[in-house]
Amino acid sequence: MSGITTCLRFPGQLNSDLRKLAVNMVPFPRLHFFMTGFAPLTARGSQQYRAVTVPELTQQMFDAKNMMAASDPRHGRYLTVATIFRGKVSMKEVEEQMQNVQSKNSAYFVEWIPNNVQTAQCDIPPRGSKMAVTFLGNSTAIQELFKRVSDQFTAMFRRKAFLHWYTQEGMDEMEFTEAESNMQDLVAEYQQYQDATVEEEGEYEEEVVEED
């Protein structure tokens, strides 16, 4: 949260506001669950012994070990990405590194959303660090997390475990069934856009226009 709101609180060469962030990060209304990351993840006090470079930060922030969500981004594709660099960094170097990541890992980015990587920069680094980056990714890999939750829920719901605590308070069993169905639809939608190609996306957009 600190990294995401940095541009609201401090000056920078390339600022970004939350509204612009939300518009750029959510291509479809239901797919608004982000994977967050941070780099460098180092022990307090150890930063003074080693300087971090922009290439290292860029590599680390896309690493599954630096993600705050229990999903591996390599198992899906990025719909959109936003990065917020903090500290005295060269924006030219940042742009070059981001281009390198996209070209070397093009299979992990959907090709039917152009310019889907947004970069912001703030001159003020986090306390105790000279340079850092906050990562926001709208990745289809997050469906792994939803699948795990859904499987655990289904296993308990079949046995009606703890259900009476909720029905006693006025909830209906059908509400849980609808929630389960909603979760499965969400996972299916993430999978649909993970597998989508440029041609399929064009057909989908035409259908939407015709319906309107």
N, C-alpha and C. Protein backbone atom coordinates (compact mmCIF):
# COMPACT_ATOMS: atom_id res chain seq x y z
N MET A 1 0.84 -1.20 0.00
CA MET A 1 0.00 0.00 0.00
C MET A 1 0.87 1.25 0.00
N SER A 2 1.97 1.20 0.75
CA SER A 2 2.89 2.33 0.79
C SER A 2 3.45 2.62 -0.59
N GLY A 3 3.86 1.57 -1.30
CA GLY A 3 4.44 1.75 -2.62
C GLY A 3 3.43 2.25 -3.64
N ILE A 4 2.21 1.74 -3.57
CA ILE A 4 1.18 2.10 -4.54
C ILE A 4 0.75 3.55 -4.39
N THR A 5 0.71 4.04 -3.13
CA THR A 5 0.27 5.42 -2.88
C THR A 5 1.43 6.42 -2.87
N THR A 6 2.62 5.95 -3.21
CA THR A 6 3.80 6.82 -3.19
C THR A 6 3.61 8.08 -4.03
N CYS A 7 3.06 7.90 -5.23
CA CYS A 7 2.93 9.03 -6.15
C CYS A 7 1.91 10.07 -5.67
N LEU A 8 1.05 9.69 -4.73
CA LEU A 8 0.11 10.65 -4.15
C LEU A 8 0.78 11.48 -3.07
N ARG A 9 1.82 10.90 -2.45
CA ARG A 9 2.42 11.52 -1.27
C ARG A 9 3.73 12.23 -1.54
N PHE A 10 4.42 11.87 -2.63
CA PHE A 10 5.73 12.46 -2.92
C PHE A 10 5.79 12.91 -4.37
N PRO A 11 6.68 13.88 -4.66
CA PRO A 11 6.86 14.32 -6.05
C PRO A 11 7.66 13.28 -6.84
N GLY A 12 7.54 13.33 -8.16
CA GLY A 12 8.30 12.41 -9.00
C GLY A 12 8.28 12.85 -10.44
N GLN A 13 9.21 12.31 -11.25
CA GLN A 13 9.27 12.67 -12.67
C GLN A 13 8.04 12.15 -13.41
N LEU A 14 7.65 10.93 -13.07
CA LEU A 14 6.58 10.26 -13.80
C LEU A 14 5.56 9.74 -12.81
N ASN A 15 4.65 10.61 -12.41
CA ASN A 15 3.68 10.23 -11.39
C ASN A 15 2.47 9.52 -11.99
N SER A 16 1.77 8.80 -11.14
CA SER A 16 0.56 8.09 -11.56
C SER A 16 -0.47 8.19 -10.44
N ASP A 17 -1.73 8.41 -10.79
CA ASP A 17 -2.75 8.46 -9.74
C ASP A 17 -3.52 7.14 -9.70
N LEU A 18 -4.27 6.93 -8.62
CA LEU A 18 -4.94 5.65 -8.41
C LEU A 18 -6.02 5.39 -9.46
N ARG A 19 -6.68 6.45 -9.92
CA ARG A 19 -7.73 6.26 -10.93
C ARG A 19 -7.13 5.76 -12.24
N LYS A 20 -6.02 6.40 -12.66
CA LYS A 20 -5.35 5.96 -13.88
C LYS A 20 -4.85 4.53 -13.73
N LEU A 21 -4.35 4.23 -12.53
CA LEU A 21 -3.85 2.88 -12.25
C LEU A 21 -4.96 1.85 -12.40
N ALA A 22 -6.13 2.16 -11.83
CA ALA A 22 -7.26 1.24 -11.89
C ALA A 22 -7.74 1.04 -13.32
N VAL A 23 -7.81 2.13 -14.09
CA VAL A 23 -8.27 2.05 -15.48
C VAL A 23 -7.33 1.18 -16.32
N ASN A 24 -6.02 1.38 -16.12
CA ASN A 24 -5.04 0.65 -16.92
C ASN A 24 -4.89 -0.81 -16.50
N MET A 25 -5.16 -1.10 -15.24
CA MET A 25 -4.90 -2.43 -14.71
C MET A 25 -6.07 -3.40 -14.88
N VAL A 26 -7.28 -2.88 -15.09
CA VAL A 26 -8.46 -3.76 -15.14
C VAL A 26 -9.07 -3.75 -16.54
N PRO A 27 -8.65 -4.68 -17.42
CA PRO A 27 -9.21 -4.71 -18.77
C PRO A 27 -10.65 -5.21 -18.83
N PHE A 28 -11.03 -6.04 -17.86
CA PHE A 28 -12.40 -6.58 -17.77
C PHE A 28 -12.86 -6.46 -16.33
N PRO A 29 -14.10 -6.02 -16.10
CA PRO A 29 -14.57 -5.68 -14.74
C PRO A 29 -14.34 -6.76 -13.69
N ARG A 30 -14.57 -8.02 -14.03
CA ARG A 30 -14.45 -9.08 -13.01
C ARG A 30 -13.00 -9.44 -12.70
N LEU A 31 -12.09 -9.14 -13.62
CA LEU A 31 -10.69 -9.54 -13.43
C LEU A 31 -9.91 -8.40 -12.77
N HIS A 32 -10.22 -8.16 -11.50
CA HIS A 32 -9.60 -7.03 -10.79
C HIS A 32 -8.82 -7.48 -9.56
N PHE A 33 -8.30 -8.70 -9.61
CA PHE A 33 -7.52 -9.23 -8.48
C PHE A 33 -6.04 -9.22 -8.86
N PHE A 34 -5.25 -8.46 -8.10
CA PHE A 34 -3.85 -8.24 -8.47
C PHE A 34 -2.89 -9.08 -7.65
N MET A 35 -1.76 -9.39 -8.27
CA MET A 35 -0.64 -9.99 -7.55
C MET A 35 0.37 -8.87 -7.28
N THR A 36 0.72 -8.68 -6.03
CA THR A 36 1.64 -7.61 -5.68
C THR A 36 3.02 -8.18 -5.36
N GLY A 37 4.03 -7.37 -5.59
CA GLY A 37 5.40 -7.78 -5.29
C GLY A 37 6.23 -6.59 -4.87
N PHE A 38 7.39 -6.86 -4.30
CA PHE A 38 8.28 -5.79 -3.85
C PHE A 38 9.72 -6.25 -3.99
N ALA A 39 10.60 -5.33 -4.33
CA ALA A 39 12.03 -5.63 -4.40
C ALA A 39 12.81 -4.37 -4.01
N PRO A 40 13.94 -4.48 -3.31
CA PRO A 40 14.54 -5.75 -2.87
C PRO A 40 13.96 -6.22 -1.54
N LEU A 41 13.78 -7.52 -1.38
CA LEU A 41 13.37 -8.09 -0.10
C LEU A 41 14.64 -8.52 0.64
N THR A 42 15.16 -7.62 1.46
CA THR A 42 16.40 -7.89 2.19
C THR A 42 16.20 -7.61 3.67
N ALA A 43 17.07 -8.18 4.48
CA ALA A 43 16.99 -7.99 5.92
C ALA A 43 17.34 -6.55 6.28
N ARG A 44 16.72 -6.05 7.35
CA ARG A 44 16.98 -4.68 7.80
C ARG A 44 18.48 -4.52 8.13
N GLY A 45 19.08 -3.48 7.58
CA GLY A 45 20.48 -3.20 7.88
C GLY A 45 21.46 -3.80 6.89
N SER A 46 21.01 -4.74 6.07
CA SER A 46 21.94 -5.39 5.14
C SER A 46 22.10 -4.59 3.84
N GLN A 47 21.19 -3.62 3.60
CA GLN A 47 21.24 -2.87 2.35
C GLN A 47 22.48 -2.01 2.22
N GLN A 48 23.03 -1.58 3.36
CA GLN A 48 24.17 -0.69 3.31
C GLN A 48 25.43 -1.38 2.79
N TYR A 49 25.42 -2.72 2.78
CA TYR A 49 26.60 -3.46 2.34
C TYR A 49 26.56 -3.81 0.86
N ARG A 50 25.44 -3.59 0.24
CA ARG A 50 25.33 -3.98 -1.17
C ARG A 50 24.38 -3.05 -1.92
N ALA A 51 24.87 -2.47 -3.01
CA ALA A 51 24.05 -1.58 -3.82
C ALA A 51 23.21 -2.39 -4.80
N VAL A 52 21.95 -2.01 -4.95
CA VAL A 52 21.04 -2.71 -5.86
C VAL A 52 20.95 -1.92 -7.16
N THR A 53 20.97 -2.62 -8.28
CA THR A 53 20.88 -1.97 -9.58
C THR A 53 19.48 -2.12 -10.16
N VAL A 54 19.18 -1.31 -11.17
CA VAL A 54 17.87 -1.38 -11.83
C VAL A 54 17.63 -2.75 -12.48
N PRO A 55 18.62 -3.33 -13.19
CA PRO A 55 18.40 -4.68 -13.74
C PRO A 55 18.07 -5.72 -12.67
N GLU A 56 18.74 -5.63 -11.51
CA GLU A 56 18.46 -6.57 -10.42
C GLU A 56 17.05 -6.39 -9.89
N LEU A 57 16.64 -5.14 -9.70
CA LEU A 57 15.29 -4.86 -9.21
C LEU A 57 14.24 -5.40 -10.18
N THR A 58 14.46 -5.16 -11.46
CA THR A 58 13.51 -5.61 -12.48
C THR A 58 13.39 -7.13 -12.49
N GLN A 59 14.53 -7.80 -12.38
CA GLN A 59 14.51 -9.27 -12.36
C GLN A 59 13.82 -9.80 -11.11
N GLN A 60 14.11 -9.17 -9.96
CA GLN A 60 13.55 -9.64 -8.69
C GLN A 60 12.04 -9.45 -8.62
N MET A 61 11.54 -8.33 -9.14
CA MET A 61 10.11 -8.04 -8.95
C MET A 61 9.22 -8.98 -9.75
N PHE A 62 9.77 -9.59 -10.83
CA PHE A 62 8.99 -10.57 -11.60
C PHE A 62 9.17 -11.98 -11.07
N ASP A 63 10.03 -12.13 -10.05
CA ASP A 63 10.30 -13.45 -9.48
C ASP A 63 9.15 -13.88 -8.57
N ALA A 64 8.75 -15.14 -8.66
CA ALA A 64 7.66 -15.66 -7.83
C ALA A 64 7.97 -15.53 -6.34
N LYS A 65 9.26 -15.56 -5.98
CA LYS A 65 9.66 -15.47 -4.56
C LYS A 65 9.35 -14.09 -3.98
N ASN A 66 9.24 -13.09 -4.84
CA ASN A 66 8.98 -11.72 -4.37
C ASN A 66 7.50 -11.36 -4.41
N MET A 67 6.65 -12.30 -4.80
CA MET A 67 5.21 -12.05 -4.87
C MET A 67 4.56 -12.22 -3.50
N MET A 68 3.56 -11.40 -3.23
CA MET A 68 2.83 -11.46 -1.96
C MET A 68 1.59 -12.36 -2.06
N ALA A 69 1.36 -12.94 -3.23
CA ALA A 69 0.23 -13.86 -3.42
C ALA A 69 0.77 -15.27 -3.61
N ALA A 70 0.04 -16.25 -3.11
CA ALA A 70 0.49 -17.65 -3.18
C ALA A 70 0.15 -18.25 -4.54
N SER A 71 0.67 -17.62 -5.59
CA SER A 71 0.49 -18.12 -6.96
C SER A 71 1.79 -17.86 -7.73
N ASP A 72 2.10 -18.74 -8.64
CA ASP A 72 3.31 -18.61 -9.45
C ASP A 72 2.95 -17.96 -10.78
N PRO A 73 3.45 -16.74 -11.05
CA PRO A 73 3.09 -16.03 -12.29
C PRO A 73 3.50 -16.78 -13.55
N ARG A 74 4.45 -17.72 -13.43
CA ARG A 74 4.89 -18.49 -14.60
C ARG A 74 3.83 -19.49 -15.06
N HIS A 75 2.80 -19.70 -14.22
CA HIS A 75 1.73 -20.62 -14.58
C HIS A 75 0.57 -19.91 -15.28
N GLY A 76 0.74 -18.63 -15.57
CA GLY A 76 -0.31 -17.87 -16.24
C GLY A 76 0.30 -16.83 -17.16
N ARG A 77 -0.50 -15.85 -17.55
CA ARG A 77 -0.02 -14.77 -18.41
C ARG A 77 -0.48 -13.44 -17.82
N TYR A 78 0.36 -12.43 -18.00
CA TYR A 78 0.04 -11.09 -17.51
C TYR A 78 -0.91 -10.39 -18.48
N LEU A 79 -2.04 -9.93 -17.96
CA LEU A 79 -2.93 -9.08 -18.74
C LEU A 79 -2.39 -7.66 -18.73
N THR A 80 -2.07 -7.18 -17.53
CA THR A 80 -1.50 -5.84 -17.36
C THR A 80 -0.50 -5.86 -16.21
N VAL A 81 0.42 -4.89 -16.23
CA VAL A 81 1.44 -4.77 -15.19
C VAL A 81 1.66 -3.30 -14.89
N ALA A 82 1.86 -2.97 -13.61
CA ALA A 82 2.24 -1.61 -13.21
C ALA A 82 3.42 -1.71 -12.25
N THR A 83 4.41 -0.85 -12.45
CA THR A 83 5.57 -0.83 -11.56
C THR A 83 5.80 0.59 -11.06
N ILE A 84 6.15 0.71 -9.79
CA ILE A 84 6.46 2.01 -9.20
C ILE A 84 7.87 1.96 -8.65
N PHE A 85 8.80 2.62 -9.35
CA PHE A 85 10.20 2.67 -8.91
C PHE A 85 10.38 3.85 -7.96
N ARG A 86 11.15 3.62 -6.90
CA ARG A 86 11.42 4.68 -5.92
C ARG A 86 12.92 4.86 -5.76
N GLY A 87 13.34 6.13 -5.70
CA GLY A 87 14.76 6.45 -5.54
C GLY A 87 15.31 7.12 -6.78
N LYS A 88 16.61 7.38 -6.77
CA LYS A 88 17.27 8.03 -7.90
C LYS A 88 17.58 6.98 -8.97
N VAL A 89 16.64 6.80 -9.86
CA VAL A 89 16.82 5.82 -10.93
C VAL A 89 16.74 6.52 -12.29
N SER A 90 17.43 5.96 -13.26
CA SER A 90 17.38 6.47 -14.62
C SER A 90 16.17 5.89 -15.33
N MET A 91 15.25 6.75 -15.75
CA MET A 91 14.04 6.27 -16.42
C MET A 91 14.38 5.61 -17.76
N LYS A 92 15.45 6.06 -18.38
CA LYS A 92 15.89 5.43 -19.63
C LYS A 92 16.28 3.98 -19.37
N GLU A 93 17.02 3.77 -18.27
CA GLU A 93 17.45 2.41 -17.91
C GLU A 93 16.24 1.56 -17.52
N VAL A 94 15.30 2.16 -16.80
CA VAL A 94 14.09 1.45 -16.39
C VAL A 94 13.31 0.98 -17.61
N GLU A 95 13.10 1.89 -18.57
CA GLU A 95 12.35 1.55 -19.78
C GLU A 95 13.04 0.45 -20.57
N GLU A 96 14.38 0.53 -20.64
CA GLU A 96 15.14 -0.49 -21.37
C GLU A 96 14.97 -1.86 -20.72
N GLN A 97 15.06 -1.89 -19.39
CA GLN A 97 14.93 -3.15 -18.66
C GLN A 97 13.52 -3.74 -18.80
N MET A 98 12.51 -2.87 -18.76
CA MET A 98 11.14 -3.35 -18.90
C MET A 98 10.90 -3.91 -20.31
N GLN A 99 11.50 -3.26 -21.31
CA GLN A 99 11.39 -3.77 -22.68
C GLN A 99 12.08 -5.12 -22.81
N ASN A 100 13.25 -5.26 -22.15
CA ASN A 100 13.99 -6.52 -22.19
C ASN A 100 13.17 -7.66 -21.59
N VAL A 101 12.55 -7.37 -20.44
CA VAL A 101 11.73 -8.40 -19.77
C VAL A 101 10.59 -8.84 -20.68
N GLN A 102 9.92 -7.87 -21.30
CA GLN A 102 8.78 -8.21 -22.16
C GLN A 102 9.20 -8.99 -23.40
N SER A 103 10.36 -8.61 -23.99
CA SER A 103 10.79 -9.31 -25.21
C SER A 103 11.30 -10.72 -24.91
N LYS A 104 12.01 -10.88 -23.78
CA LYS A 104 12.55 -12.20 -23.42
C LYS A 104 11.47 -13.14 -22.88
N ASN A 105 10.42 -12.56 -22.30
CA ASN A 105 9.36 -13.37 -21.69
C ASN A 105 8.01 -13.09 -22.33
N SER A 106 8.00 -12.92 -23.64
CA SER A 106 6.76 -12.53 -24.34
C SER A 106 5.64 -13.55 -24.16
N ALA A 107 5.99 -14.80 -23.91
CA ALA A 107 4.97 -15.84 -23.73
C ALA A 107 4.15 -15.62 -22.47
N TYR A 108 4.71 -14.84 -21.53
CA TYR A 108 4.01 -14.60 -20.26
C TYR A 108 3.18 -13.31 -20.28
N PHE A 109 3.12 -12.64 -21.43
CA PHE A 109 2.31 -11.44 -21.59
C PHE A 109 1.31 -11.67 -22.73
N VAL A 110 0.04 -11.31 -22.50
CA VAL A 110 -0.93 -11.46 -23.60
C VAL A 110 -0.59 -10.47 -24.70
N GLU A 111 -0.69 -10.92 -25.94
CA GLU A 111 -0.29 -10.07 -27.06
C GLU A 111 -1.43 -9.18 -27.54
N TRP A 112 -2.66 -9.44 -27.09
CA TRP A 112 -3.81 -8.69 -27.60
C TRP A 112 -4.14 -7.45 -26.76
N ILE A 113 -3.32 -7.14 -25.75
CA ILE A 113 -3.45 -5.86 -25.05
C ILE A 113 -2.16 -5.08 -25.26
N PRO A 114 -2.14 -4.10 -26.16
CA PRO A 114 -0.91 -3.35 -26.42
C PRO A 114 -0.56 -2.42 -25.26
N ASN A 115 0.73 -2.16 -25.11
CA ASN A 115 1.22 -1.24 -24.07
C ASN A 115 0.63 -1.57 -22.70
N ASN A 116 0.71 -2.84 -22.33
CA ASN A 116 0.07 -3.27 -21.08
C ASN A 116 0.99 -3.23 -19.87
N VAL A 117 2.15 -2.56 -20.01
CA VAL A 117 3.06 -2.38 -18.87
C VAL A 117 3.20 -0.89 -18.59
N GLN A 118 2.82 -0.47 -17.40
CA GLN A 118 2.86 0.93 -17.00
C GLN A 118 3.96 1.14 -15.97
N THR A 119 4.73 2.21 -16.12
CA THR A 119 5.83 2.49 -15.20
C THR A 119 5.68 3.88 -14.60
N ALA A 120 5.85 3.97 -13.29
CA ALA A 120 5.83 5.26 -12.59
C ALA A 120 7.12 5.37 -11.78
N GLN A 121 7.50 6.61 -11.46
CA GLN A 121 8.75 6.82 -10.73
C GLN A 121 8.58 7.91 -9.69
N CYS A 122 9.15 7.67 -8.51
CA CYS A 122 9.13 8.65 -7.42
C CYS A 122 10.56 8.83 -6.92
N ASP A 123 10.96 10.09 -6.72
CA ASP A 123 12.35 10.37 -6.32
C ASP A 123 12.67 9.94 -4.90
N ILE A 124 11.65 9.84 -4.04
CA ILE A 124 11.88 9.56 -2.62
C ILE A 124 11.90 8.05 -2.38
N PRO A 125 13.05 7.49 -1.95
CA PRO A 125 13.12 6.04 -1.69
C PRO A 125 12.50 5.69 -0.35
N PRO A 126 12.20 4.41 -0.12
CA PRO A 126 11.70 4.01 1.20
C PRO A 126 12.79 4.23 2.25
N ARG A 127 12.38 4.40 3.49
CA ARG A 127 13.35 4.63 4.55
C ARG A 127 14.30 3.44 4.69
N GLY A 128 15.59 3.72 4.76
CA GLY A 128 16.59 2.67 4.93
C GLY A 128 17.02 2.02 3.64
N SER A 129 16.54 2.55 2.50
CA SER A 129 16.90 1.97 1.20
C SER A 129 17.17 3.09 0.20
N LYS A 130 18.06 2.83 -0.74
CA LYS A 130 18.37 3.84 -1.76
C LYS A 130 17.49 3.69 -3.00
N MET A 131 17.01 2.49 -3.20
CA MET A 131 16.23 2.21 -4.40
C MET A 131 15.30 1.02 -4.14
N ALA A 132 14.08 1.09 -4.64
CA ALA A 132 13.13 -0.01 -4.45
C ALA A 132 12.07 0.06 -5.55
N VAL A 133 11.31 -1.02 -5.68
CA VAL A 133 10.24 -1.04 -6.67
C VAL A 133 9.06 -1.83 -6.13
N THR A 134 7.87 -1.30 -6.39
CA THR A 134 6.62 -2.00 -6.05
C THR A 134 6.01 -2.51 -7.35
N PHE A 135 5.52 -3.73 -7.31
CA PHE A 135 5.01 -4.40 -8.51
C PHE A 135 3.53 -4.73 -8.36
N LEU A 136 2.76 -4.45 -9.39
CA LEU A 136 1.34 -4.84 -9.44
C LEU A 136 1.11 -5.58 -10.75
N GLY A 137 0.62 -6.80 -10.65
CA GLY A 137 0.37 -7.57 -11.86
C GLY A 137 -1.02 -8.16 -11.89
N ASN A 138 -1.72 -7.96 -13.00
CA ASN A 138 -3.02 -8.61 -13.20
C ASN A 138 -2.73 -9.86 -14.02
N SER A 139 -2.48 -10.96 -13.32
CA SER A 139 -2.07 -12.20 -13.98
C SER A 139 -3.16 -13.27 -13.88
N THR A 140 -3.30 -14.03 -14.95
CA THR A 140 -4.28 -15.13 -14.94
C THR A 140 -3.84 -16.25 -14.00
N ALA A 141 -2.59 -16.21 -13.55
CA ALA A 141 -2.08 -17.24 -12.63
C ALA A 141 -2.76 -17.19 -11.27
N ILE A 142 -3.41 -16.06 -10.96
CA ILE A 142 -4.06 -15.95 -9.65
C ILE A 142 -5.24 -16.91 -9.53
N GLN A 143 -5.66 -17.48 -10.67
CA GLN A 143 -6.74 -18.48 -10.61
C GLN A 143 -6.32 -19.69 -9.78
N GLU A 144 -5.00 -19.94 -9.64
CA GLU A 144 -4.52 -21.03 -8.78
C GLU A 144 -5.01 -20.85 -7.36
N LEU A 145 -4.91 -19.60 -6.89
CA LEU A 145 -5.34 -19.28 -5.53
C LEU A 145 -6.84 -19.52 -5.36
N PHE A 146 -7.61 -19.06 -6.34
CA PHE A 146 -9.06 -19.23 -6.27
C PHE A 146 -9.45 -20.71 -6.35
N LYS A 147 -8.72 -21.48 -7.16
CA LYS A 147 -9.00 -22.91 -7.26
C LYS A 147 -8.78 -23.61 -5.92
N ARG A 148 -7.69 -23.25 -5.24
CA ARG A 148 -7.40 -23.86 -3.94
C ARG A 148 -8.50 -23.55 -2.94
N VAL A 149 -8.91 -22.28 -2.90
CA VAL A 149 -9.97 -21.88 -1.98
C VAL A 149 -11.27 -22.61 -2.32
N SER A 150 -11.57 -22.69 -3.62
CA SER A 150 -12.80 -23.35 -4.06
C SER A 150 -12.80 -24.83 -3.71
N ASP A 151 -11.65 -25.50 -3.91
CA ASP A 151 -11.56 -26.93 -3.60
C ASP A 151 -11.73 -27.19 -2.10
N GLN A 152 -11.11 -26.32 -1.29
CA GLN A 152 -11.23 -26.47 0.16
C GLN A 152 -12.66 -26.22 0.62
N PHE A 153 -13.29 -25.20 0.01
CA PHE A 153 -14.68 -24.90 0.35
C PHE A 153 -15.60 -26.06 -0.03
N THR A 154 -15.41 -26.58 -1.24
CA THR A 154 -16.27 -27.67 -1.73
C THR A 154 -16.18 -28.89 -0.82
N ALA A 155 -14.95 -29.22 -0.39
CA ALA A 155 -14.75 -30.38 0.48
C ALA A 155 -15.50 -30.22 1.80
N MET A 156 -15.50 -28.99 2.36
CA MET A 156 -16.19 -28.74 3.63
C MET A 156 -17.70 -28.62 3.42
N PHE A 157 -18.10 -28.00 2.32
CA PHE A 157 -19.52 -27.76 2.06
C PHE A 157 -20.27 -29.08 1.82
N ARG A 158 -19.60 -30.03 1.20
CA ARG A 158 -20.23 -31.34 0.96
C ARG A 158 -20.58 -32.03 2.28
N ARG A 159 -19.75 -31.79 3.29
CA ARG A 159 -20.01 -32.39 4.61
C ARG A 159 -20.85 -31.46 5.47
N LYS A 160 -21.19 -30.29 4.90
CA LYS A 160 -21.94 -29.25 5.62
C LYS A 160 -21.24 -28.86 6.92
N ALA A 161 -19.91 -28.85 6.87
CA ALA A 161 -19.12 -28.49 8.04
C ALA A 161 -19.31 -27.02 8.38
N PHE A 162 -19.60 -26.74 9.63
CA PHE A 162 -19.78 -25.38 10.17
C PHE A 162 -20.96 -24.63 9.55
N LEU A 163 -21.73 -25.28 8.69
CA LEU A 163 -22.82 -24.60 7.98
C LEU A 163 -23.89 -24.09 8.94
N HIS A 164 -24.14 -24.85 9.99
CA HIS A 164 -25.22 -24.47 10.92
C HIS A 164 -24.96 -23.13 11.60
N TRP A 165 -23.67 -22.77 11.76
CA TRP A 165 -23.36 -21.47 12.38
C TRP A 165 -23.90 -20.32 11.54
N TYR A 166 -23.92 -20.50 10.24
CA TYR A 166 -24.37 -19.45 9.32
C TYR A 166 -25.89 -19.48 9.12
N THR A 167 -26.44 -20.69 8.99
CA THR A 167 -27.89 -20.79 8.78
C THR A 167 -28.66 -20.34 10.02
N GLN A 168 -28.05 -20.52 11.20
CA GLN A 168 -28.69 -20.04 12.44
C GLN A 168 -28.81 -18.53 12.46
N GLU A 169 -27.90 -17.85 11.75
CA GLU A 169 -27.92 -16.39 11.73
C GLU A 169 -28.75 -15.84 10.57
N GLY A 170 -29.43 -16.72 9.85
CA GLY A 170 -30.35 -16.24 8.81
C GLY A 170 -29.89 -16.45 7.39
N MET A 171 -28.66 -16.96 7.20
CA MET A 171 -28.20 -17.21 5.83
C MET A 171 -28.85 -18.47 5.27
N ASP A 172 -28.94 -18.52 3.96
CA ASP A 172 -29.54 -19.67 3.29
C ASP A 172 -28.45 -20.51 2.63
N GLU A 173 -28.65 -21.79 2.58
CA GLU A 173 -27.65 -22.69 1.98
C GLU A 173 -27.41 -22.36 0.51
N MET A 174 -28.44 -21.82 -0.14
CA MET A 174 -28.33 -21.47 -1.56
C MET A 174 -27.31 -20.37 -1.79
N GLU A 175 -27.13 -19.49 -0.80
CA GLU A 175 -26.15 -18.42 -0.93
C GLU A 175 -24.74 -18.98 -1.09
N PHE A 176 -24.44 -20.07 -0.39
CA PHE A 176 -23.13 -20.70 -0.49
C PHE A 176 -22.97 -21.37 -1.86
N THR A 177 -24.03 -21.98 -2.35
CA THR A 177 -23.99 -22.62 -3.67
C THR A 177 -23.73 -21.58 -4.76
N GLU A 178 -24.40 -20.42 -4.64
CA GLU A 178 -24.22 -19.34 -5.62
C GLU A 178 -22.80 -18.79 -5.56
N ALA A 179 -22.26 -18.65 -4.34
CA ALA A 179 -20.90 -18.15 -4.17
C ALA A 179 -19.88 -19.12 -4.80
N GLU A 180 -20.13 -20.41 -4.62
CA GLU A 180 -19.25 -21.43 -5.21
C GLU A 180 -19.29 -21.35 -6.74
N SER A 181 -20.48 -21.19 -7.29
CA SER A 181 -20.65 -21.08 -8.73
C SER A 181 -19.97 -19.83 -9.27
N ASN A 182 -20.09 -18.74 -8.52
CA ASN A 182 -19.47 -17.47 -8.90
C ASN A 182 -17.95 -17.60 -8.96
N MET A 183 -17.38 -18.30 -7.98
CA MET A 183 -15.94 -18.53 -7.93
C MET A 183 -15.48 -19.36 -9.13
N GLN A 184 -16.25 -20.38 -9.47
CA GLN A 184 -15.90 -21.23 -10.61
C GLN A 184 -15.98 -20.46 -11.93
N ASP A 185 -16.97 -19.56 -12.03
CA ASP A 185 -17.09 -18.71 -13.22
C ASP A 185 -15.89 -17.79 -13.35
N LEU A 186 -15.42 -17.25 -12.22
CA LEU A 186 -14.27 -16.35 -12.21
C LEU A 186 -13.02 -17.08 -12.69
N VAL A 187 -12.80 -18.28 -12.18
CA VAL A 187 -11.65 -19.10 -12.60
C VAL A 187 -11.72 -19.38 -14.10
N ALA A 188 -12.92 -19.72 -14.59
CA ALA A 188 -13.11 -20.02 -16.01
C ALA A 188 -12.83 -18.79 -16.87
N GLU A 189 -13.21 -17.61 -16.37
CA GLU A 189 -12.98 -16.38 -17.13
C GLU A 189 -11.49 -16.06 -17.22
N TYR A 190 -10.76 -16.26 -16.12
CA TYR A 190 -9.31 -16.06 -16.15
C TYR A 190 -8.67 -17.02 -17.16
N GLN A 191 -9.13 -18.26 -17.16
CA GLN A 191 -8.58 -19.26 -18.08
C GLN A 191 -8.89 -18.91 -19.53
N GLN A 192 -10.09 -18.37 -19.75
CA GLN A 192 -10.50 -17.97 -21.11
C GLN A 192 -9.55 -16.93 -21.68
N TYR A 193 -9.22 -15.91 -20.88
CA TYR A 193 -8.35 -14.85 -21.37
C TYR A 193 -6.88 -15.25 -21.38
N GLN A 194 -6.53 -16.27 -20.60
CA GLN A 194 -5.17 -16.80 -20.65
C GLN A 194 -4.93 -17.50 -21.99
N ASP A 195 -5.96 -18.19 -22.48
CA ASP A 195 -5.85 -18.95 -23.73
C ASP A 195 -6.19 -18.13 -24.96
N ALA A 196 -6.72 -16.92 -24.78
CA ALA A 196 -7.19 -16.11 -25.91
C ALA A 196 -6.04 -15.68 -26.81
N THR A 197 -6.32 -15.56 -28.11
CA THR A 197 -5.35 -15.05 -29.08
C THR A 197 -5.86 -13.72 -29.62
N VAL A 198 -5.04 -13.07 -30.45
CA VAL A 198 -5.42 -11.77 -31.02
C VAL A 198 -6.70 -11.90 -31.84
N GLU A 199 -6.80 -12.97 -32.66
CA GLU A 199 -7.97 -13.16 -33.52
C GLU A 199 -9.23 -13.38 -32.69
N GLU A 200 -9.11 -14.23 -31.65
CA GLU A 200 -10.26 -14.52 -30.80
C GLU A 200 -10.72 -13.27 -30.07
N GLU A 201 -9.77 -12.44 -29.63
CA GLU A 201 -10.13 -11.23 -28.91
C GLU A 201 -10.86 -10.26 -29.82
N GLY A 202 -10.44 -10.20 -31.10
CA GLY A 202 -11.12 -9.34 -32.06
C GLY A 202 -12.56 -9.78 -32.27
N GLU A 203 -12.78 -11.09 -32.35
CA GLU A 203 -14.13 -11.63 -32.50
C GLU A 203 -14.98 -11.31 -31.28
N TYR A 204 -14.37 -11.41 -30.10
CA TYR A 204 -15.10 -11.12 -28.86
C TYR A 204 -15.55 -9.66 -28.83
N GLU A 205 -14.64 -8.75 -29.23
CA GLU A 205 -14.97 -7.32 -29.22
C GLU A 205 -16.10 -7.02 -30.21
N GLU A 206 -16.09 -7.70 -31.37
CA GLU A 206 -17.16 -7.50 -32.36
C GLU A 206 -18.51 -7.93 -31.81
N GLU A 207 -18.53 -9.04 -31.07
CA GLU A 207 -19.76 -9.53 -30.46
C GLU A 207 -20.30 -8.52 -29.45
N VAL A 208 -19.40 -7.92 -28.67
CA VAL A 208 -19.80 -6.94 -27.67
C VAL A 208 -20.43 -5.73 -28.34
N VAL A 209 -19.81 -5.26 -29.45
CA VAL A 209 -20.33 -4.10 -30.19
C VAL A 209 -21.72 -4.40 -30.74
N GLU A 210 -21.90 -5.60 -31.31
CA GLU A 210 -23.20 -5.98 -31.87
C GLU A 210 -24.29 -6.02 -30.81
N GLU A 211 -23.93 -6.53 -29.61
CA GLU A 211 -24.89 -6.60 -28.51
C GLU A 211 -25.31 -5.21 -28.06
N ASP A 212 -24.33 -4.26 -28.05
CA ASP A 212 -24.64 -2.89 -27.64
C ASP A 212 -25.59 -2.24 -28.65
